[in-house]
Structure formats: C-alpha cells, structure tokens
Amino acid sequence: MNPKHLDAMVWNICNVYNYPFPKVLKLTKRLRTSMGSTICGASHIELNEWFLLHNKKKVVEALLKHELCHTRHCNHNKEFDQAVRIMGSAMWLEDLFDDIVYPAKYVYKCPGCNGIRFANRKYKEDKSCVVCGGKDFNKKFKLKLVQEPKSQ
C-alpha cells in the first residue's frame, strides 16, 4: 500500500459511510506493536507506517474503517462491532484475512474473543486477555502464541 494513496482512500470511505474526515491522519513509526491508534472523540488517527507498507490494500482499507469507527465508538463494544460490520470491516481484522503481516515479532491470540496481541519480546510468563479476563491472570483466557520469528 502506497502511503500517497492514503488520503484518497480515507476520503472515499468517509464519503461512502458518512464519516467526517479525521482532523489528524498521520503515519508514524511510534506504533511498534499495533496497526493503528485513534484518540476517540478527537478524530485523531495514527497508522503504523510499516504495517501500511507491508500489507495489501484490502487489509489497509479494513484497518482504516476500523479506526474511523473508533472516532465514534471508543471501545470494542457491541455498538463498535455493529459499526465496523456495516462498513465491511471487523472488530478483529484476523476474522477477515489470513494473510496479514504483523508489525511485531510475536503474536498472541485470546481463545475467548479471538483478539490479537502483539509483542516484540516473548512473554516469560503466562498472560491472559485483559478484555476477557480482567487484570488478574485467568487461565481460561490464556494467550496462545500464534506467530514467532523463524529461526535462522
């Protein structure tokens, strides 16, 4: 995905789904382990430049729709899920695509919500999904390692 085409893609999505164009839309290298970030209510979207350069247009478009929905819905709740589905995206992009290239070395998946968590270091101890299990460890929602660097 060429970043030069980003503004045009966002304008198109905003026009089709009646969303205002974000006040701030920027590519950043700051997001080392996430695909994108939105400041809810402020219409401020940051996208991982590496992710945009290494993924197909359809994946980037789904990410943009996901982040635009966060300008109206701060959390991954039922209203957010409904909004992203209307736009043809998903709460978790992994539900739509099996060829996503991730910005982190290690990828973990929650067995409860299927949410993906990224890490640049392998977890030394078991961790669970904070969305499903709260802040204390819950073995029912233990994150499963689904991708790690290939050994040389």
C-alpha atoms as a PDB file:
ATOM      1  CA  MET A   1       0.000   0.000   0.000  1.00  0.00           C
ATOM      2  CA  ASN A   2       1.469   3.307  -1.074  1.00  0.00           C
ATOM      3  CA  PRO A   3       1.022   5.963   1.653  1.00  0.00           C
ATOM      4  CA  LYS A   4       0.430   8.593  -1.073  1.00  0.00           C
ATOM      5  CA  HIS A   5      -2.936   6.985  -1.770  1.00  0.00           C
ATOM      6  CA  LEU A   6      -3.967   7.048   1.884  1.00  0.00           C
ATOM      7  CA  ASP A   7      -5.828  10.385   1.866  1.00  0.00           C
ATOM      8  CA  ALA A   8      -7.848   9.410  -1.212  1.00  0.00           C
ATOM      9  CA  MET A   9      -8.774   6.058   0.326  1.00  0.00           C
ATOM     10  CA  VAL A  10      -9.870   7.714   3.584  1.00  0.00           C
ATOM     11  CA  TRP A  11     -11.898  10.381   1.734  1.00  0.00           C
ATOM     12  CA  ASN A  12     -13.671   7.656  -0.216  1.00  0.00           C
ATOM     13  CA  ILE A  13     -14.512   5.640   2.928  1.00  0.00           C
ATOM     14  CA  CYS A  14     -15.695   8.780   4.751  1.00  0.00           C
ATOM     15  CA  ASN A  15     -17.960   9.774   1.853  1.00  0.00           C
ATOM     16  CA  VAL A  16     -19.475   6.314   1.400  1.00  0.00           C
ATOM     17  CA  TYR A  17     -20.189   5.780   5.122  1.00  0.00           C
ATOM     18  CA  ASN A  18     -20.926   9.421   6.081  1.00  0.00           C
ATOM     19  CA  TYR A  19     -17.994   9.866   8.474  1.00  0.00           C
ATOM     20  CA  PRO A  20     -16.146  13.193   8.776  1.00  0.00           C
ATOM     21  CA  PHE A  21     -12.551  13.192   7.551  1.00  0.00           C
ATOM     22  CA  PRO A  22     -10.226  12.849  10.563  1.00  0.00           C
ATOM     23  CA  LYS A  23      -8.799  16.103  11.914  1.00  0.00           C
ATOM     24  CA  VAL A  24      -5.427  14.365  12.186  1.00  0.00           C
ATOM     25  CA  LEU A  25      -4.411  11.442   9.975  1.00  0.00           C
ATOM     26  CA  LYS A  26      -0.757  10.569  10.146  1.00  0.00           C
ATOM     27  CA  LEU A  27       1.657   7.754   9.548  1.00  0.00           C
ATOM     28  CA  THR A  28       4.001   7.029  12.378  1.00  0.00           C
ATOM     29  CA  LYS A  29       6.871   4.767  13.327  1.00  0.00           C
ATOM     30  CA  ARG A  30       5.966   5.281  17.001  1.00  0.00           C
ATOM     31  CA  LEU A  31       3.439   2.414  16.956  1.00  0.00           C
ATOM     32  CA  ARG A  32       5.835  -0.508  17.200  1.00  0.00           C
ATOM     33  CA  THR A  33       3.374  -3.245  18.140  1.00  0.00           C
ATOM     34  CA  SER A  34      -0.004  -2.050  16.870  1.00  0.00           C
ATOM     35  CA  MET A  35      -1.523  -1.400  13.467  1.00  0.00           C
ATOM     36  CA  GLY A  36      -3.249   1.851  14.297  1.00  0.00           C
ATOM     37  CA  SER A  37      -4.467   4.072  17.082  1.00  0.00           C
ATOM     38  CA  THR A  38      -7.355   6.515  17.410  1.00  0.00           C
ATOM     39  CA  ILE A  39      -7.983   9.177  20.027  1.00  0.00           C
ATOM     40  CA  CYS A  40     -11.717   8.769  20.395  1.00  0.00           C
ATOM     41  CA  GLY A  41     -13.730  11.953  20.162  1.00  0.00           C
ATOM     42  CA  ALA A  42     -10.742  13.949  18.897  1.00  0.00           C
ATOM     43  CA  SER A  43     -10.823  12.386  15.418  1.00  0.00           C
ATOM     44  CA  HIS A  44      -7.068  11.797  15.595  1.00  0.00           C
ATOM     45  CA  ILE A  45      -5.868   8.664  13.785  1.00  0.00           C
ATOM     46  CA  GLU A  46      -2.306   7.371  13.685  1.00  0.00           C
ATOM     47  CA  LEU A  47      -1.378   4.444  11.472  1.00  0.00           C
ATOM     48  CA  ASN A  48       1.678   2.231  11.651  1.00  0.00           C
ATOM     49  CA  GLU A  49       3.695   3.164   8.566  1.00  0.00           C
ATOM     50  CA  TRP A  50       5.400  -0.243   8.500  1.00  0.00           C
ATOM     51  CA  PHE A  51       2.018  -2.003   8.533  1.00  0.00           C
ATOM     52  CA  LEU A  52       0.747   0.066   5.584  1.00  0.00           C
ATOM     53  CA  LEU A  53       3.847  -0.660   3.530  1.00  0.00           C
ATOM     54  CA  HIS A  54       3.780  -4.433   4.160  1.00  0.00           C
ATOM     55  CA  ASN A  55       0.089  -5.257   3.724  1.00  0.00           C
ATOM     56  CA  LYS A  56      -2.348  -5.451   0.840  1.00  0.00           C
ATOM     57  CA  LYS A  57      -4.738  -2.621   0.024  1.00  0.00           C
ATOM     58  CA  LYS A  58      -7.786  -4.607   1.244  1.00  0.00           C
ATOM     59  CA  VAL A  59      -6.185  -5.118   4.672  1.00  0.00           C
ATOM     60  CA  VAL A  60      -5.248  -1.428   4.968  1.00  0.00           C
ATOM     61  CA  GLU A  61      -8.768  -0.395   3.934  1.00  0.00           C
ATOM     62  CA  ALA A  62     -10.273  -2.640   6.631  1.00  0.00           C
ATOM     63  CA  LEU A  63      -7.892  -1.110   9.194  1.00  0.00           C
ATOM     64  CA  LEU A  64      -8.924   2.407   8.136  1.00  0.00           C
ATOM     65  CA  LYS A  65     -12.599   1.513   8.545  1.00  0.00           C
ATOM     66  CA  HIS A  66     -11.841   0.032  11.973  1.00  0.00           C
ATOM     67  CA  GLU A  67     -10.008   3.177  13.105  1.00  0.00           C
ATOM     68  CA  LEU A  68     -12.676   5.504  11.673  1.00  0.00           C
ATOM     69  CA  CYS A  69     -15.283   3.656  13.740  1.00  0.00           C
ATOM     70  CA  HIS A  70     -13.187   4.451  16.814  1.00  0.00           C
ATOM     71  CA  THR A  71     -13.810   8.165  16.159  1.00  0.00           C
ATOM     72  CA  ARG A  72     -17.427   7.476  17.226  1.00  0.00           C
ATOM     73  CA  HIS A  73     -17.071   4.392  19.433  1.00  0.00           C
ATOM     74  CA  CYS A  74     -14.191   4.414  21.919  1.00  0.00           C
ATOM     75  CA  ASN A  75     -14.282   0.755  22.942  1.00  0.00           C
ATOM     76  CA  HIS A  76     -14.632  -2.626  21.280  1.00  0.00           C
ATOM     77  CA  ASN A  77     -18.240  -2.953  22.432  1.00  0.00           C
ATOM     78  CA  LYS A  78     -21.434  -4.091  20.677  1.00  0.00           C
ATOM     79  CA  GLU A  79     -22.030  -0.697  19.049  1.00  0.00           C
ATOM     80  CA  PHE A  80     -18.478  -0.650  17.709  1.00  0.00           C
ATOM     81  CA  ASP A  81     -18.824  -4.204  16.401  1.00  0.00           C
ATOM     82  CA  GLN A  82     -22.039  -3.257  14.598  1.00  0.00           C
ATOM     83  CA  ALA A  83     -20.442  -0.127  13.094  1.00  0.00           C
ATOM     84  CA  VAL A  84     -17.403  -1.962  11.693  1.00  0.00           C
ATOM     85  CA  ARG A  85     -19.620  -4.718  10.270  1.00  0.00           C
ATOM     86  CA  ILE A  86     -21.768  -2.127   8.463  1.00  0.00           C
ATOM     87  CA  MET A  87     -18.570  -0.768   6.913  1.00  0.00           C
ATOM     88  CA  GLY A  88     -17.443  -4.263   5.870  1.00  0.00           C
ATOM     89  CA  SER A  89     -14.634  -4.469   8.390  1.00  0.00           C
ATOM     90  CA  ALA A  90     -14.361  -6.295  11.706  1.00  0.00           C
ATOM     91  CA  MET A  91     -13.507  -5.799  15.338  1.00  0.00           C
ATOM     92  CA  TRP A  92     -10.508  -8.070  14.726  1.00  0.00           C
ATOM     93  CA  LEU A  93      -9.004  -7.912  11.223  1.00  0.00           C
ATOM     94  CA  GLU A  94      -7.874 -11.506  11.636  1.00  0.00           C
ATOM     95  CA  ASP A  95     -11.543 -12.505  11.271  1.00  0.00           C
ATOM     96  CA  LEU A  96     -11.419 -11.209   7.681  1.00  0.00           C
ATOM     97  CA  PHE A  97      -7.918 -12.007   6.462  1.00  0.00           C
ATOM     98  CA  ASP A  98      -5.412 -14.795   6.942  1.00  0.00           C
ATOM     99  CA  ASP A  99      -2.541 -13.021   5.169  1.00  0.00           C
ATOM    100  CA  ILE A 100      -1.900 -10.073   7.491  1.00  0.00           C
ATOM    101  CA  VAL A 101       1.738  -9.138   8.027  1.00  0.00           C
ATOM    102  CA  TYR A 102       2.133  -8.060  11.655  1.00  0.00           C
ATOM    103  CA  PRO A 103       4.337  -5.243  12.969  1.00  0.00           C
ATOM    104  CA  ALA A 104       5.668  -7.266  15.903  1.00  0.00           C
ATOM    105  CA  LYS A 105       7.865 -10.333  16.275  1.00  0.00           C
ATOM    106  CA  TYR A 106       5.449 -12.265  18.495  1.00  0.00           C
ATOM    107  CA  VAL A 107       1.699 -12.551  18.033  1.00  0.00           C
ATOM    108  CA  TYR A 108      -0.628 -13.934  20.706  1.00  0.00           C
ATOM    109  CA  LYS A 109      -4.310 -14.791  20.354  1.00  0.00           C
ATOM    110  CA  CYS A 110      -7.040 -14.867  23.011  1.00  0.00           C
ATOM    111  CA  PRO A 111      -9.195 -18.023  22.934  1.00  0.00           C
ATOM    112  CA  GLY A 112     -12.180 -16.059  24.243  1.00  0.00           C
ATOM    113  CA  CYS A 113     -12.544 -13.027  21.955  1.00  0.00           C
ATOM    114  CA  ASN A 114     -10.041 -14.076  19.229  1.00  0.00           C
ATOM    115  CA  GLY A 115      -8.307 -10.757  19.830  1.00  0.00           C
ATOM    116  CA  ILE A 116      -4.705 -10.440  18.738  1.00  0.00           C
ATOM    117  CA  ARG A 117      -1.954  -9.069  20.990  1.00  0.00           C
ATOM    118  CA  PHE A 118       1.480  -8.082  19.721  1.00  0.00           C
ATOM    119  CA  ALA A 119       4.817  -8.167  21.497  1.00  0.00           C
ATOM    120  CA  ASN A 120       8.396  -7.516  20.453  1.00  0.00           C
ATOM    121  CA  ARG A 121       9.600  -9.839  23.198  1.00  0.00           C
ATOM    122  CA  LYS A 122       8.355 -13.308  24.026  1.00  0.00           C
ATOM    123  CA  TYR A 123       6.369 -13.377  27.256  1.00  0.00           C
ATOM    124  CA  LYS A 124       8.373 -15.075  30.023  1.00  0.00           C
ATOM    125  CA  GLU A 125       5.240 -15.983  31.965  1.00  0.00           C
ATOM    126  CA  ASP A 126       1.688 -16.833  31.021  1.00  0.00           C
ATOM    127  CA  LYS A 127      -0.570 -13.858  30.307  1.00  0.00           C
ATOM    128  CA  SER A 128      -4.305 -13.702  29.805  1.00  0.00           C
ATOM    129  CA  CYS A 129      -6.541 -11.378  27.830  1.00  0.00           C
ATOM    130  CA  VAL A 130      -7.397  -8.305  29.897  1.00  0.00           C
ATOM    131  CA  VAL A 131     -10.529  -7.714  27.810  1.00  0.00           C
ATOM    132  CA  CYS A 132     -11.988 -11.148  28.630  1.00  0.00           C
ATOM    133  CA  GLY A 133     -10.427 -11.986  31.969  1.00  0.00           C
ATOM    134  CA  GLY A 134      -9.714  -8.686  33.679  1.00  0.00           C
ATOM    135  CA  LYS A 135      -6.365  -7.531  35.025  1.00  0.00           C
ATOM    136  CA  ASP A 136      -5.661 -10.678  37.058  1.00  0.00           C
ATOM    137  CA  PHE A 137      -4.435 -13.821  35.291  1.00  0.00           C
ATOM    138  CA  ASN A 138      -7.289 -16.071  34.163  1.00  0.00           C
ATOM    139  CA  LYS A 139      -6.204 -19.433  32.689  1.00  0.00           C
ATOM    140  CA  LYS A 140      -9.475 -19.642  30.717  1.00  0.00           C
ATOM    141  CA  PHE A 141      -8.249 -16.690  28.632  1.00  0.00           C
ATOM    142  CA  LYS A 142      -4.539 -17.577  28.472  1.00  0.00           C
ATOM    143  CA  LEU A 143      -2.981 -16.012  25.391  1.00  0.00           C
ATOM    144  CA  LYS A 144      -1.713 -18.520  22.845  1.00  0.00           C
ATOM    145  CA  LEU A 145       1.440 -17.820  20.854  1.00  0.00           C
ATOM    146  CA  VAL A 146       0.470 -17.998  17.170  1.00  0.00           C
ATOM    147  CA  GLN A 147       3.495 -16.413  15.478  1.00  0.00           C
ATOM    148  CA  GLU A 148       7.151 -16.067  16.380  1.00  0.00           C
ATOM    149  CA  PRO A 149      10.288 -15.282  14.398  1.00  0.00           C
ATOM    150  CA  LYS A 150      11.562 -18.091  12.229  1.00  0.00           C
ATOM    151  CA  SER A 151      14.909 -19.395  13.458  1.00  0.00           C
ATOM    152  CA  GLN A 152      17.800 -18.859  11.070  1.00  0.00           C
END
